[in-house]
PDB file of N, CA and C in Angstrom:
ATOM      1  N   MET A   1     -36.395 146.960-137.966  1.00  0.00           N
ATOM      2  CA  MET A   1     -36.427 146.574-136.567  1.00  0.00           C
ATOM      3  C   MET A   1     -37.508 147.401-135.880  1.00  0.00           C
ATOM      4  N   ASN A   2     -38.320 146.773-135.071  1.00  0.00           N
ATOM      5  CA  ASN A   2     -39.369 147.507-134.371  1.00  0.00           C
ATOM      6  C   ASN A   2     -38.835 148.142-133.094  1.00  0.00           C
ATOM      7  N   LYS A   3     -39.638 149.005-132.505  1.00  0.00           N
ATOM      8  CA  LYS A   3     -39.200 149.731-131.317  1.00  0.00           C
ATOM      9  C   LYS A   3     -38.832 148.805-130.160  1.00  0.00           C
ATOM     10  N   ALA A   4     -39.535 147.710-130.029  1.00  0.00           N
ATOM     11  CA  ALA A   4     -39.274 146.782-128.925  1.00  0.00           C
ATOM     12  C   ALA A   4     -37.910 146.121-129.059  1.00  0.00           C
ATOM     13  N   GLY A   5     -37.401 146.001-130.294  1.00  0.00           N
ATOM     14  CA  GLY A   5     -36.129 145.324-130.506  1.00  0.00           C
ATOM     15  C   GLY A   5     -34.914 146.224-130.410  1.00  0.00           C
ATOM     16  N   VAL A   6     -35.115 147.525-130.314  1.00  0.00           N
ATOM     17  CA  VAL A   6     -33.995 148.461-130.258  1.00  0.00           C
ATOM     18  C   VAL A   6     -33.242 148.281-128.951  1.00  0.00           C
ATOM     19  N   GLY A   7     -31.927 148.116-129.050  1.00  0.00           N
ATOM     20  CA  GLY A   7     -31.094 148.000-127.865  1.00  0.00           C
ATOM     21  C   GLY A   7     -31.166 146.647-127.174  1.00  0.00           C
ATOM     22  N   MET A   8     -31.915 145.735-127.697  1.00  0.00           N
ATOM     23  CA  MET A   8     -32.050 144.424-127.074  1.00  0.00           C
ATOM     24  C   MET A   8     -31.036 143.462-127.679  1.00  0.00           C
ATOM     25  N   GLY A   9     -30.641 142.469-126.915  1.00  0.00           N
ATOM     26  CA  GLY A   9     -29.753 141.436-127.426  1.00  0.00           C
ATOM     27  C   GLY A   9     -30.485 140.535-128.393  1.00  0.00           C
ATOM     28  N   ARG A  10     -29.745 139.752-129.104  1.00  0.00           N
ATOM     29  CA  ARG A  10     -30.312 138.840-130.087  1.00  0.00           C
ATOM     30  C   ARG A  10     -30.915 137.645-129.363  1.00  0.00           C
ATOM     31  N   TRP A  11     -32.092 137.207-129.823  1.00  0.00           N
ATOM     32  CA  TRP A  11     -32.749 136.039-129.243  1.00  0.00           C
ATOM     33  C   TRP A  11     -32.048 134.781-129.717  1.00  0.00           C
ATOM     34  N   VAL A  12     -31.931 133.819-128.833  1.00  0.00           N
ATOM     35  CA  VAL A  12     -31.278 132.555-129.155  1.00  0.00           C
ATOM     36  C   VAL A  12     -32.216 131.420-128.767  1.00  0.00           C
ATOM     37  N   GLN A  13     -32.319 130.433-129.632  1.00  0.00           N
ATOM     38  CA  GLN A  13     -33.110 129.248-129.315  1.00  0.00           C
ATOM     39  C   GLN A  13     -32.457 128.520-128.143  1.00  0.00           C
ATOM     40  N   ALA A  14     -33.257 127.957-127.267  1.00  0.00           N
ATOM     41  CA  ALA A  14     -32.735 127.250-126.099  1.00  0.00           C
ATOM     42  C   ALA A  14     -31.815 126.109-126.514  1.00  0.00           C
ATOM     43  N   GLY A  15     -32.178 125.381-127.554  1.00  0.00           N
ATOM     44  CA  GLY A  15     -31.345 124.272-128.030  1.00  0.00           C
ATOM     45  C   GLY A  15     -29.992 124.749-128.522  1.00  0.00           C
ATOM     46  N   ASP A  16     -29.975 125.898-129.214  1.00  0.00           N
ATOM     47  CA  ASP A  16     -28.707 126.457-129.694  1.00  0.00           C
ATOM     48  C   ASP A  16     -27.823 126.891-128.533  1.00  0.00           C
ATOM     49  N   ALA A  17     -28.434 127.496-127.525  1.00  0.00           N
ATOM     50  CA  ALA A  17     -27.681 127.932-126.350  1.00  0.00           C
ATOM     51  C   ALA A  17     -27.079 126.732-125.626  1.00  0.00           C
ATOM     52  N   LEU A  18     -27.851 125.652-125.509  1.00  0.00           N
ATOM     53  CA  LEU A  18     -27.365 124.440-124.856  1.00  0.00           C
ATOM     54  C   LEU A  18     -26.199 123.836-125.627  1.00  0.00           C
ATOM     55  N   LYS A  19     -26.309 123.770-126.950  1.00  0.00           N
ATOM     56  CA  LYS A  19     -25.221 123.224-127.773  1.00  0.00           C
ATOM     57  C   LYS A  19     -23.950 124.051-127.621  1.00  0.00           C
ATOM     58  N   GLN A  20     -24.104 125.374-127.608  1.00  0.00           N
ATOM     59  CA  GLN A  20     -22.945 126.249-127.461  1.00  0.00           C
ATOM     60  C   GLN A  20     -22.290 126.037-126.100  1.00  0.00           C
ATOM     61  N   TRP A  21     -23.092 125.918-125.049  1.00  0.00           N
ATOM     62  CA  TRP A  21     -22.559 125.685-123.714  1.00  0.00           C
ATOM     63  C   TRP A  21     -21.829 124.343-123.647  1.00  0.00           C
ATOM     64  N   GLN A  22     -22.422 123.295-124.241  1.00  0.00           N
ATOM     65  CA  GLN A  22     -21.799 121.972-124.238  1.00  0.00           C
ATOM     66  C   GLN A  22     -20.483 121.988-125.002  1.00  0.00           C
ATOM     67  N   ARG A  23     -20.455 122.714-126.116  1.00  0.00           N
ATOM     68  CA  ARG A  23     -19.232 122.816-126.909  1.00  0.00           C
ATOM     69  C   ARG A  23     -18.131 123.494-126.085  1.00  0.00           C
ATOM     70  N   GLY A  24     -18.473 124.542-125.352  1.00  0.00           N
ATOM     71  CA  GLY A  24     -17.510 125.235-124.497  1.00  0.00           C
ATOM     72  C   GLY A  24     -17.019 124.340-123.373  1.00  0.00           C
ATOM     73  N   ALA A  25     -17.925 123.584-122.769  1.00  0.00           N
ATOM     74  CA  ALA A  25     -17.547 122.669-121.691  1.00  0.00           C
ATOM     75  C   ALA A  25     -16.635 121.566-122.215  1.00  0.00           C
ATOM     76  N   ARG A  26     -16.914 121.080-123.426  1.00  0.00           N
ATOM     77  CA  ARG A  26     -16.080 120.037-124.026  1.00  0.00           C
ATOM     78  C   ARG A  26     -14.678 120.583-124.304  1.00  0.00           C
ATOM     79  N   MET A  27     -14.589 121.818-124.801  1.00  0.00           N
ATOM     80  CA  MET A  27     -13.285 122.422-125.066  1.00  0.00           C
ATOM     81  C   MET A  27     -12.495 122.584-123.776  1.00  0.00           C
ATOM     82  N   ASP A  28     -13.159 122.994-122.691  1.00  0.00           N
ATOM     83  CA  ASP A  28     -12.474 123.145-121.418  1.00  0.00           C
ATOM     84  C   ASP A  28     -11.949 121.808-120.919  1.00  0.00           C
ATOM     85  N   SER A  29     -12.740 120.747-121.045  1.00  0.00           N
ATOM     86  CA  SER A  29     -12.280 119.438-120.579  1.00  0.00           C
ATOM     87  C   SER A  29     -11.137 118.925-121.453  1.00  0.00           C
ATOM     88  N   GLU A  30     -11.170 119.228-122.751  1.00  0.00           N
ATOM     89  CA  GLU A  30     -10.067 118.833-123.631  1.00  0.00           C
ATOM     90  C   GLU A  30      -8.794 119.587-123.267  1.00  0.00           C
ATOM     91  N   ARG A  31      -8.925 120.870-122.971  1.00  0.00           N
ATOM     92  CA  ARG A  31      -7.755 121.659-122.557  1.00  0.00           C
ATOM     93  C   ARG A  31      -7.163 121.106-121.267  1.00  0.00           C
ATOM     94  N   MET A  32      -8.017 120.770-120.305  1.00  0.00           N
ATOM     95  CA  MET A  32      -7.525 120.235-119.037  1.00  0.00           C
ATOM     96  C   MET A  32      -6.839 118.892-119.237  1.00  0.00           C
ATOM     97  N   ALA A  33      -7.357 118.067-120.135  1.00  0.00           N
ATOM     98  CA  ALA A  33      -6.722 116.777-120.412  1.00  0.00           C
ATOM     99  C   ALA A  33      -5.323 116.989-120.981  1.00  0.00           C
ATOM    100  N   ILE A  34      -5.192 117.918-121.915  1.00  0.00           N
ATOM    101  CA  ILE A  34      -3.873 118.226-122.483  1.00  0.00           C
ATOM    102  C   ILE A  34      -2.958 118.773-121.398  1.00  0.00           C
ATOM    103  N   LEU A  35      -3.478 119.668-120.579  1.00  0.00           N
ATOM    104  CA  LEU A  35      -2.681 120.267-119.513  1.00  0.00           C
ATOM    105  C   LEU A  35      -2.148 119.202-118.561  1.00  0.00           C
ATOM    106  N   HIS A  36      -2.992 118.255-118.183  1.00  0.00           N
ATOM    107  CA  HIS A  36      -2.551 117.173-117.299  1.00  0.00           C
ATOM    108  C   HIS A  36      -1.462 116.329-117.961  1.00  0.00           C
ATOM    109  N   GLN A  37      -1.569 116.126-119.269  1.00  0.00           N
ATOM    110  CA  GLN A  37      -0.576 115.316-119.976  1.00  0.00           C
ATOM    111  C   GLN A  37       0.792 115.986-120.027  1.00  0.00           C
ATOM    112  N   VAL A  38       0.842 117.304-120.161  1.00  0.00           N
ATOM    113  CA  VAL A  38       2.125 117.989-120.330  1.00  0.00           C
ATOM    114  C   VAL A  38       2.669 118.576-119.029  1.00  0.00           C
ATOM    115  N   TRP A  39       1.880 118.527-117.971  1.00  0.00           N
ATOM    116  CA  TRP A  39       2.275 119.148-116.711  1.00  0.00           C
ATOM    117  C   TRP A  39       3.619 118.636-116.198  1.00  0.00           C
ATOM    118  N   GLU A  40       3.782 117.326-116.072  1.00  0.00           N
ATOM    119  CA  GLU A  40       5.029 116.774-115.528  1.00  0.00           C
ATOM    120  C   GLU A  40       6.225 117.086-116.411  1.00  0.00           C
ATOM    121  N   ARG A  41       6.017 117.057-117.716  1.00  0.00           N
ATOM    122  CA  ARG A  41       7.099 117.362-118.647  1.00  0.00           C
ATOM    123  C   ARG A  41       7.599 118.793-118.435  1.00  0.00           C
ATOM    124  N   GLU A  42       6.684 119.725-118.283  1.00  0.00           N
ATOM    125  CA  GLU A  42       7.064 121.135-118.161  1.00  0.00           C
ATOM    126  C   GLU A  42       7.472 121.516-116.737  1.00  0.00           C
ATOM    127  N   ALA A  43       6.854 120.911-115.740  1.00  0.00           N
ATOM    128  CA  ALA A  43       7.193 121.233-114.352  1.00  0.00           C
ATOM    129  C   ALA A  43       8.461 120.509-113.909  1.00  0.00           C
ATOM    130  N   GLY A  44       8.811 119.438-114.614  1.00  0.00           N
ATOM    131  CA  GLY A  44      10.033 118.704-114.297  1.00  0.00           C
ATOM    132  C   GLY A  44       9.980 118.057-112.921  1.00  0.00           C
ATOM    133  N   HIS A  45      11.132 118.059-112.244  1.00  0.00           N
ATOM    134  CA  HIS A  45      11.218 117.401-110.940  1.00  0.00           C
ATOM    135  C   HIS A  45      10.359 118.091-109.878  1.00  0.00           C
ATOM    136  N   LEU A  46       9.951 119.323-110.134  1.00  0.00           N
ATOM    137  CA  LEU A  46       9.114 120.046-109.170  1.00  0.00           C
ATOM    138  C   LEU A  46       7.656 119.591-109.198  1.00  0.00           C
ATOM    139  N   ALA A  47       7.281 118.813-110.198  1.00  0.00           N
ATOM    140  CA  ALA A  47       5.896 118.332-110.299  1.00  0.00           C
ATOM    141  C   ALA A  47       5.499 117.505-109.080  1.00  0.00           C
ATOM    142  N   ARG A  48       6.455 116.897-108.418  1.00  0.00           N
ATOM    143  CA  ARG A  48       6.101 116.111-107.225  1.00  0.00           C
ATOM    144  C   ARG A  48       5.756 117.008-106.032  1.00  0.00           C
ATOM    145  N   HIS A  49       6.100 118.296-106.130  1.00  0.00           N
ATOM    146  CA  HIS A  49       5.765 119.254-105.077  1.00  0.00           C
ATOM    147  C   HIS A  49       4.575 120.133-105.447  1.00  0.00           C
ATOM    148  N   TRP A  50       4.161 120.046-106.701  1.00  0.00           N
ATOM    149  CA  TRP A  50       3.050 120.851-107.214  1.00  0.00           C
ATOM    150  C   TRP A  50       2.008 119.924-107.825  1.00  0.00           C
ATOM    151  N   ALA A  51       0.741 120.193-107.585  1.00  0.00           N
ATOM    152  CA  ALA A  51      -0.347 119.413-108.183  1.00  0.00           C
ATOM    153  C   ALA A  51      -1.371 120.368-108.790  1.00  0.00           C
ATOM    154  N   LEU A  52      -1.801 120.069-110.004  1.00  0.00           N
ATOM    155  CA  LEU A  52      -2.807 120.905-110.657  1.00  0.00           C
ATOM    156  C   LEU A  52      -4.091 120.886-109.843  1.00  0.00           C
ATOM    157  N   ASP A  53      -4.649 122.068-109.626  1.00  0.00           N
ATOM    158  CA  ASP A  53      -5.901 122.171-108.879  1.00  0.00           C
ATOM    159  C   ASP A  53      -7.052 122.562-109.796  1.00  0.00           C
ATOM    160  N   GLY A  54      -6.790 123.400-110.785  1.00  0.00           N
ATOM    161  CA  GLY A  54      -7.828 123.804-111.723  1.00  0.00           C
ATOM    162  C   GLY A  54      -7.504 125.138-112.364  1.00  0.00           C
ATOM    163  N   VAL A  55      -8.359 125.533-113.294  1.00  0.00           N
ATOM    164  CA  VAL A  55      -8.199 126.812-113.981  1.00  0.00           C
ATOM    165  C   VAL A  55      -9.494 127.591-113.820  1.00  0.00           C
ATOM    166  N   LYS A  56      -9.365 128.830-113.416  1.00  0.00           N
ATOM    167  CA  LYS A  56     -10.535 129.698-113.271  1.00  0.00           C
ATOM    168  C   LYS A  56     -10.188 131.060-113.854  1.00  0.00           C
ATOM    169  N   ARG A  57     -10.972 131.461-114.860  1.00  0.00           N
ATOM    170  CA  ARG A  57     -10.780 132.747-115.540  1.00  0.00           C
ATOM    171  C   ARG A  57      -9.349 132.927-116.031  1.00  0.00           C
ATOM    172  N   GLY A  58      -8.786 131.862-116.564  1.00  0.00           N
ATOM    173  CA  GLY A  58      -7.455 131.932-117.146  1.00  0.00           C
ATOM    174  C   GLY A  58      -6.308 131.794-116.166  1.00  0.00           C
ATOM    175  N   VAL A  59      -6.608 131.658-114.885  1.00  0.00           N
ATOM    176  CA  VAL A  59      -5.558 131.504-113.879  1.00  0.00           C
ATOM    177  C   VAL A  59      -5.471 130.034-113.487  1.00  0.00           C
ATOM    178  N   LEU A  60      -4.276 129.474-113.610  1.00  0.00           N
ATOM    179  CA  LEU A  60      -4.019 128.087-113.232  1.00  0.00           C
ATOM    180  C   LEU A  60      -3.694 128.053-111.745  1.00  0.00           C
ATOM    181  N   TYR A  61      -4.478 127.304-110.985  1.00  0.00           N
ATOM    182  CA  TYR A  61      -4.241 127.165-109.555  1.00  0.00           C
ATOM    183  C   TYR A  61      -3.530 125.845-109.301  1.00  0.00           C
ATOM    184  N   VAL A  62      -2.491 125.915-108.471  1.00  0.00           N
ATOM    185  CA  VAL A  62      -1.626 124.769-108.213  1.00  0.00           C
ATOM    186  C   VAL A  62      -1.534 124.541-106.710  1.00  0.00           C
ATOM    187  N   LYS A  63      -1.773 123.297-106.285  1.00  0.00           N
ATOM    188  CA  LYS A  63      -1.588 122.931-104.878  1.00  0.00           C
ATOM    189  C   LYS A  63      -0.091 122.741-104.655  1.00  0.00           C
ATOM    190  N   VAL A  64       0.408 123.288-103.576  1.00  0.00           N
ATOM    191  CA  VAL A  64       1.840 123.197-103.281  1.00  0.00           C
ATOM    192  C   VAL A  64       2.054 122.417-101.995  1.00  0.00           C
ATOM    193  N   SER A  65       3.217 121.769-101.892  1.00  0.00           N
ATOM    194  CA  SER A  65       3.474 120.904-100.744  1.00  0.00           C
ATOM    195  C   SER A  65       4.123 121.627 -99.569  1.00  0.00           C
ATOM    196  N   SER A  66       4.659 122.828 -99.801  1.00  0.00           N
ATOM    197  CA  SER A  66       5.359 123.539 -98.731  1.00  0.00           C
ATOM    198  C   SER A  66       5.511 125.014 -99.092  1.00  0.00           C
ATOM    199  N   PRO A  67       5.887 125.832 -98.118  1.00  0.00           N
ATOM    200  CA  PRO A  67       6.156 127.241 -98.428  1.00  0.00           C
ATOM    201  C   PRO A  67       7.294 127.411 -99.444  1.00  0.00           C
ATOM    202  N   ALA A  68       8.289 126.550 -99.374  1.00  0.00           N
ATOM    203  CA  ALA A  68       9.390 126.617-100.343  1.00  0.00           C
ATOM    204  C   ALA A  68       8.888 126.314-101.754  1.00  0.00           C
ATOM    205  N   ALA A  69       7.972 125.357-101.870  1.00  0.00           N
ATOM    206  CA  ALA A  69       7.395 125.020-103.175  1.00  0.00           C
ATOM    207  C   ALA A  69       6.546 126.182-103.696  1.00  0.00           C
ATOM    208  N   THR A  70       5.886 126.897-102.787  1.00  0.00           N
ATOM    209  CA  THR A  70       5.109 128.076-103.180  1.00  0.00           C
ATOM    210  C   THR A  70       6.025 129.140-103.760  1.00  0.00           C
ATOM    211  N   GLN A  71       7.130 129.394-103.088  1.00  0.00           N
ATOM    212  CA  GLN A  71       8.071 130.408-103.558  1.00  0.00           C
ATOM    213  C   GLN A  71       8.662 130.018-104.912  1.00  0.00           C
ATOM    214  N   GLU A  72       9.001 128.760-105.060  1.00  0.00           N
ATOM    215  CA  GLU A  72       9.557 128.288-106.337  1.00  0.00           C
ATOM    216  C   GLU A  72       8.532 128.436-107.460  1.00  0.00           C
ATOM    217  N   LEU A  73       7.274 128.128-107.172  1.00  0.00           N
ATOM    218  CA  LEU A  73       6.210 128.290-108.167  1.00  0.00           C
ATOM    219  C   LEU A  73       6.088 129.756-108.583  1.00  0.00           C
ATOM    220  N   GLN A  74       6.126 130.654-107.619  1.00  0.00           N
ATOM    221  CA  GLN A  74       6.021 132.076-107.928  1.00  0.00           C
ATOM    222  C   GLN A  74       7.200 132.550-108.774  1.00  0.00           C
ATOM    223  N   LEU A  75       8.385 132.036-108.502  1.00  0.00           N
ATOM    224  CA  LEU A  75       9.570 132.420-109.276  1.00  0.00           C
ATOM    225  C   LEU A  75       9.516 131.907-110.712  1.00  0.00           C
ATOM    226  N   ARG A  76       8.944 130.731-110.893  1.00  0.00           N
ATOM    227  CA  ARG A  76       8.922 130.103-112.220  1.00  0.00           C
ATOM    228  C   ARG A  76       7.604 130.295-112.973  1.00  0.00           C
ATOM    229  N   ALA A  77       6.666 131.005-112.400  1.00  0.00           N
ATOM    230  CA  ALA A  77       5.317 131.103-112.969  1.00  0.00           C
ATOM    231  C   ALA A  77       5.307 131.610-114.406  1.00  0.00           C
ATOM    232  N   THR A  78       6.037 132.660-114.703  1.00  0.00           N
ATOM    233  CA  THR A  78       6.006 133.241-116.049  1.00  0.00           C
ATOM    234  C   THR A  78       6.555 132.273-117.088  1.00  0.00           C
ATOM    235  N   SER A  79       7.708 131.675-116.816  1.00  0.00           N
ATOM    236  CA  SER A  79       8.288 130.743-117.797  1.00  0.00           C
ATOM    237  C   SER A  79       7.450 129.475-117.912  1.00  0.00           C
ATOM    238  N   LEU A  80       6.882 129.011-116.814  1.00  0.00           N
ATOM    239  CA  LEU A  80       6.024 127.827-116.844  1.00  0.00           C
ATOM    240  C   LEU A  80       4.746 128.110-117.633  1.00  0.00           C
ATOM    241  N   MET A  81       4.194 129.295-117.450  1.00  0.00           N
ATOM    242  CA  MET A  81       2.988 129.683-118.178  1.00  0.00           C
ATOM    243  C   MET A  81       3.263 129.700-119.684  1.00  0.00           C
ATOM    244  N   ARG A  82       4.377 130.288-120.087  1.00  0.00           N
ATOM    245  CA  ARG A  82       4.735 130.307-121.514  1.00  0.00           C
ATOM    246  C   ARG A  82       4.907 128.894-122.055  1.00  0.00           C
ATOM    247  N   ALA A  83       5.589 128.044-121.290  1.00  0.00           N
ATOM    248  CA  ALA A  83       5.832 126.668-121.734  1.00  0.00           C
ATOM    249  C   ALA A  83       4.524 125.897-121.892  1.00  0.00           C
ATOM    250  N   LEU A  84       3.593 126.064-120.973  1.00  0.00           N
ATOM    251  CA  LEU A  84       2.317 125.349-121.049  1.00  0.00           C
ATOM    252  C   LEU A  84       1.456 125.866-122.193  1.00  0.00           C
ATOM    253  N   ASN A  85       1.451 127.167-122.413  1.00  0.00           N
ATOM    254  CA  ASN A  85       0.628 127.751-123.476  1.00  0.00           C
ATOM    255  C   ASN A  85       1.081 127.335-124.872  1.00  0.00           C
ATOM    256  N   LYS A  86       2.307 126.859-125.022  1.00  0.00           N
ATOM    257  CA  LYS A  86       2.799 126.399-126.332  1.00  0.00           C
ATOM    258  C   LYS A  86       1.988 125.217-126.865  1.00  0.00           C
ATOM    259  N   TYR A  87       1.347 124.497-125.985  1.00  0.00           N
ATOM    260  CA  TYR A  87       0.601 123.306-126.379  1.00  0.00           C
ATOM    261  C   TYR A  87      -0.819 123.618-126.862  1.00  0.00           C
ATOM    262  N   PHE A  88      -1.203 124.887-126.830  1.00  0.00           N
ATOM    263  CA  PHE A  88      -2.556 125.283-127.197  1.00  0.00           C
ATOM    264  C   PHE A  88      -2.523 126.306-128.322  1.00  0.00           C
ATOM    265  N   ARG A  89      -3.542 126.276-129.157  1.00  0.00           N
ATOM    266  CA  ARG A  89      -3.629 127.218-130.273  1.00  0.00           C
ATOM    267  C   ARG A  89      -3.664 128.655-129.759  1.00  0.00           C
ATOM    268  N   ASP A  90      -4.492 128.902-128.748  1.00  0.00           N
ATOM    269  CA  ASP A  90      -4.593 130.226-128.132  1.00  0.00           C
ATOM    270  C   ASP A  90      -4.049 130.144-126.715  1.00  0.00           C
ATOM    271  N   ALA A  91      -3.261 131.127-126.331  1.00  0.00           N
ATOM    272  CA  ALA A  91      -2.738 131.163-124.963  1.00  0.00           C
ATOM    273  C   ALA A  91      -3.905 131.414-124.011  1.00  0.00           C
ATOM    274  N   TRP A  92      -4.282 130.421-123.245  1.00  0.00           N
ATOM    275  CA  TRP A  92      -5.446 130.568-122.365  1.00  0.00           C
ATOM    276  C   TRP A  92      -5.063 130.649-120.898  1.00  0.00           C
ATOM    277  N   ILE A  93      -3.827 130.305-120.557  1.00  0.00           N
ATOM    278  CA  ILE A  93      -3.367 130.440-119.180  1.00  0.00           C
ATOM    279  C   ILE A  93      -2.757 131.832-119.043  1.00  0.00           C
ATOM    280  N   LYS A  94      -3.390 132.666-118.250  1.00  0.00           N
ATOM    281  CA  LYS A  94      -2.966 134.063-118.095  1.00  0.00           C
ATOM    282  C   LYS A  94      -2.131 134.281-116.843  1.00  0.00           C
ATOM    283  N   GLY A  95      -2.159 133.323-115.939  1.00  0.00           N
ATOM    284  CA  GLY A  95      -1.400 133.444-114.704  1.00  0.00           C
ATOM    285  C   GLY A  95      -1.366 132.121-113.974  1.00  0.00           C
ATOM    286  N   ILE A  96      -0.425 131.990-113.042  1.00  0.00           N
ATOM    287  CA  ILE A  96      -0.310 130.781-112.223  1.00  0.00           C
ATOM    288  C   ILE A  96      -0.202 131.230-110.776  1.00  0.00           C
ATOM    289  N   ARG A  97      -1.035 130.633-109.930  1.00  0.00           N
ATOM    290  CA  ARG A  97      -1.044 130.986-108.514  1.00  0.00           C
ATOM    291  C   ARG A  97      -1.157 129.727-107.670  1.00  0.00           C
ATOM    292  N   PRO A  98      -0.578 129.768-106.479  1.00  0.00           N
ATOM    293  CA  PRO A  98      -0.777 128.641-105.561  1.00  0.00           C
ATOM    294  C   PRO A  98      -2.206 128.656-105.029  1.00  0.00           C
ATOM    295  N   SER A  99      -2.766 127.474-104.819  1.00  0.00           N
ATOM    296  CA  SER A  99      -4.113 127.361-104.236  1.00  0.00           C
ATOM    297  C   SER A  99      -4.046 127.715-102.766  1.00  0.00           C
ATOM    298  N   ARG A 100      -5.125 128.246-102.280  1.00  0.00           N
ATOM    299  CA  ARG A 100      -5.199 128.513-100.843  1.00  0.00           C
ATOM    300  C   ARG A 100      -5.394 127.198-100.105  1.00  0.00           C
ATOM    301  N   ALA A 101      -4.857 127.131 -98.904  1.00  0.00           N
ATOM    302  CA  ALA A 101      -4.988 125.911 -98.101  1.00  0.00           C
ATOM    303  C   ALA A 101      -6.454 125.650 -97.794  1.00  0.00           C
ATOM    304  N   SER A 102      -6.841 124.381 -97.872  1.00  0.00           N
ATOM    305  CA  SER A 102      -8.244 124.011 -97.622  1.00  0.00           C
ATOM    306  C   SER A 102      -8.522 123.912 -96.149  1.00  0.00           C
TER     307      SER A 102
END
């Protein structure tokens, strides 16, 4: 290794970087599709008060219909998170939070 390469990251071809990014985006969309399919089953009758908003950095954000629905979501977050993660090879949902009002 020459002096210029010491401490530097590995060079990546632009095409390889694009393919890797597309593969990651495809995996995220596949995860969201699965999540939407199992949401009502796992949320049960409360699904009509909660709507999936999205996932950011492992946190599932849920739109809630009322303050009571927010409290119920907070009470059930841990068990709901475990139930949802069962559908995935790796547990990718690290937390569940209500979305902020728009």
